[in-house]
Amino acid sequence: MDNKQIIALLKDTPIFADTSEKSLESMLKSAVTKTVPAGDKVVQEGQGGVGFYLILEGKAEVVKEGEKLAEIGAGNFFGELGVIDGQPRTADVIALTETKCWILSQWAMKSIIANHPEVALSMLEELARRLRATDAARVSTD
């Protein structure tokens, strides 16, 4: 996947939708890609969370305490909480197929937030949306 395709995926996320293409291009220099074989954990619940992940190719599932919470694929992201506070991962993400991820470290993301405050606002909005969705799911199962 080339840089233009990665930028397009980033622009499609709520966190980076309002970020300039030039800023996204500079972010690419700070990121790495990682390919995870099917069946392996991309991240593990309880381990340190120091990276933002964007799935470039493949599919994965989000599992917390043995319960499947979601299935995610290209264009989906996770790890935004860990980037903010560095706390341990709140769930496992397990590759269902070979999964290629774009990873931005915590220090790189903090630099981007400092230079582009709109990213921080977008992150807060996405976190609030996810929290509300989680709360609504809990209420419906009680």
Protein backbone atom coordinates (compact mmCIF):
# COMPACT_ATOMS: atom_id res chain seq x y z
CA MET A 1 0.00 0.00 0.00
CA ASP A 2 1.49 3.34 -0.98
CA ASN A 3 1.48 6.61 0.98
CA LYS A 4 -1.45 8.10 -0.95
CA GLN A 5 -3.61 5.09 -0.07
CA ILE A 6 -2.62 5.32 3.60
CA ILE A 7 -3.44 9.05 3.61
CA ALA A 8 -6.84 8.28 2.07
CA LEU A 9 -7.55 5.75 4.84
CA LEU A 10 -6.44 8.26 7.49
CA LYS A 11 -8.67 10.95 5.99
CA ASP A 12 -11.59 8.51 6.24
CA THR A 13 -11.14 8.17 10.02
CA PRO A 14 -13.00 10.63 12.25
CA ILE A 15 -9.75 11.47 14.03
CA PHE A 16 -7.85 12.67 10.96
CA ALA A 17 -10.69 13.78 8.67
CA ASP A 18 -9.89 17.47 9.19
CA THR A 19 -6.11 17.13 9.15
CA SER A 20 -4.32 18.57 6.13
CA GLU A 21 -2.73 16.25 3.62
CA LYS A 22 0.63 17.91 4.28
CA SER A 23 0.35 17.11 8.01
CA LEU A 24 -0.64 13.53 7.25
CA GLU A 25 2.35 13.18 4.93
CA SER A 26 4.64 14.28 7.75
CA MET A 27 2.99 11.71 10.07
CA LEU A 28 3.89 8.92 7.65
CA LYS A 29 7.58 9.51 8.38
CA SER A 30 7.00 8.72 12.07
CA ALA A 31 4.99 5.54 11.55
CA VAL A 32 5.86 1.91 10.94
CA THR A 33 3.91 -0.93 9.39
CA LYS A 34 3.54 -4.40 10.85
CA THR A 35 2.01 -7.54 9.39
CA VAL A 36 0.44 -9.99 11.83
CA PRO A 37 -0.36 -13.59 10.81
CA ALA A 38 -3.93 -14.88 11.15
CA GLY A 39 -4.60 -16.10 14.69
CA ASP A 40 -1.93 -13.94 16.33
CA LYS A 41 -2.61 -11.03 18.67
CA VAL A 42 -1.99 -7.59 17.24
CA VAL A 43 -2.17 -6.17 20.77
CA GLN A 44 -2.85 -7.88 24.07
CA GLU A 45 -5.22 -6.81 26.84
CA GLY A 46 -3.25 -5.62 29.87
CA GLN A 47 -0.05 -4.81 27.98
CA GLY A 48 1.26 -1.26 27.64
CA GLY A 49 -0.61 0.83 25.10
CA VAL A 50 1.83 3.09 23.34
CA GLY A 51 0.64 3.16 19.75
CA PHE A 52 -2.23 4.15 17.49
CA TYR A 53 -3.08 1.42 14.96
CA LEU A 54 -4.80 1.77 11.59
CA ILE A 55 -5.65 -1.44 9.78
CA LEU A 56 -4.42 -1.22 6.19
CA GLU A 57 -5.33 -4.74 5.06
CA GLY A 58 -6.99 -7.76 6.64
CA LYS A 59 -9.51 -8.36 9.40
CA ALA A 60 -9.27 -8.62 13.16
CA GLU A 61 -11.55 -9.00 16.12
CA VAL A 62 -11.61 -7.06 19.38
CA VAL A 63 -11.96 -9.37 22.38
CA LYS A 64 -12.28 -8.35 26.03
CA GLU A 65 -12.17 -11.02 28.73
CA GLY A 66 -13.04 -13.68 26.14
CA GLU A 67 -16.04 -11.79 24.72
CA LYS A 68 -15.96 -10.65 21.09
CA LEU A 69 -16.79 -6.94 21.00
CA ALA A 70 -16.24 -6.12 17.34
CA GLU A 71 -14.81 -7.21 14.02
CA ILE A 72 -12.67 -4.60 12.30
CA GLY A 73 -10.96 -4.28 8.94
CA ALA A 74 -9.18 -1.91 6.58
CA GLY A 75 -9.74 1.70 7.61
CA ASN A 76 -10.63 0.86 11.22
CA PHE A 77 -8.36 2.00 14.02
CA PHE A 78 -7.66 1.36 17.68
CA GLY A 79 -5.18 2.36 20.37
CA GLU A 80 -6.26 5.97 20.71
CA LEU A 81 -6.75 5.58 24.48
CA GLY A 82 -3.24 4.23 24.98
CA VAL A 83 -1.78 7.08 22.97
CA ILE A 84 -3.44 9.56 25.31
CA ASP A 85 -2.63 8.01 28.67
CA GLY A 86 -0.11 5.20 28.08
CA GLN A 87 -2.22 2.83 30.19
CA PRO A 88 -2.49 -0.90 29.43
CA ARG A 89 -4.63 -2.14 26.53
CA THR A 90 -8.29 -2.62 27.41
CA ALA A 91 -8.82 -5.52 24.99
CA ASP A 92 -7.07 -8.02 22.74
CA VAL A 93 -7.08 -7.42 19.01
CA ILE A 94 -6.62 -10.74 17.21
CA ALA A 95 -5.91 -11.06 13.49
CA LEU A 96 -8.60 -13.12 11.74
CA THR A 97 -6.67 -12.99 8.48
CA GLU A 98 -3.14 -11.80 7.80
CA THR A 99 -3.46 -8.20 8.94
CA LYS A 100 -1.25 -5.27 8.00
CA CYS A 101 -1.29 -2.30 10.39
CA TRP A 102 0.09 1.23 10.27
CA ILE A 103 1.38 2.17 13.74
CA LEU A 104 2.04 5.62 15.12
CA SER A 105 3.88 5.77 18.45
CA GLN A 106 2.61 7.68 21.46
CA TRP A 107 5.38 10.28 21.25
CA ALA A 108 4.73 10.89 17.54
CA MET A 109 0.98 11.25 18.13
CA LYS A 110 1.56 13.70 20.98
CA SER A 111 3.75 15.79 18.69
CA ILE A 112 1.02 15.79 16.05
CA ILE A 113 -1.59 16.80 18.63
CA ALA A 114 0.63 19.65 19.83
CA ASN A 115 1.00 20.95 16.28
CA HIS A 116 -2.56 20.14 15.14
CA PRO A 117 -5.05 20.65 17.99
CA GLU A 118 -7.93 19.65 15.70
CA VAL A 119 -6.67 16.07 15.99
CA ALA A 120 -7.13 16.20 19.79
CA LEU A 121 -10.69 17.47 19.40
CA SER A 122 -11.46 14.75 16.88
CA MET A 123 -10.00 12.13 19.23
CA LEU A 124 -12.19 13.37 22.08
CA GLU A 125 -15.28 13.25 19.88
CA GLU A 126 -14.49 9.67 18.80
CA LEU A 127 -13.79 8.57 22.37
CA ALA A 128 -17.11 10.07 23.50
CA ARG A 129 -18.93 8.28 20.65
CA ARG A 130 -17.36 4.94 21.60
CA LEU A 131 -18.12 5.43 25.30
CA ARG A 132 -21.76 6.21 24.54
CA ALA A 133 -22.01 3.14 22.30
CA THR A 134 -20.51 0.96 25.04
CA ASP A 135 -22.89 2.39 27.65
CA ALA A 136 -25.88 1.84 25.35
CA ALA A 137 -24.81 -1.79 24.79
CA ARG A 138 -24.51 -2.36 28.55
CA VAL A 139 -27.96 -0.89 29.22
CA SER A 140 -29.56 -3.10 26.56
CA THR A 141 -28.06 -6.28 28.05
CA ASP A 142 -28.95 -5.53 31.68
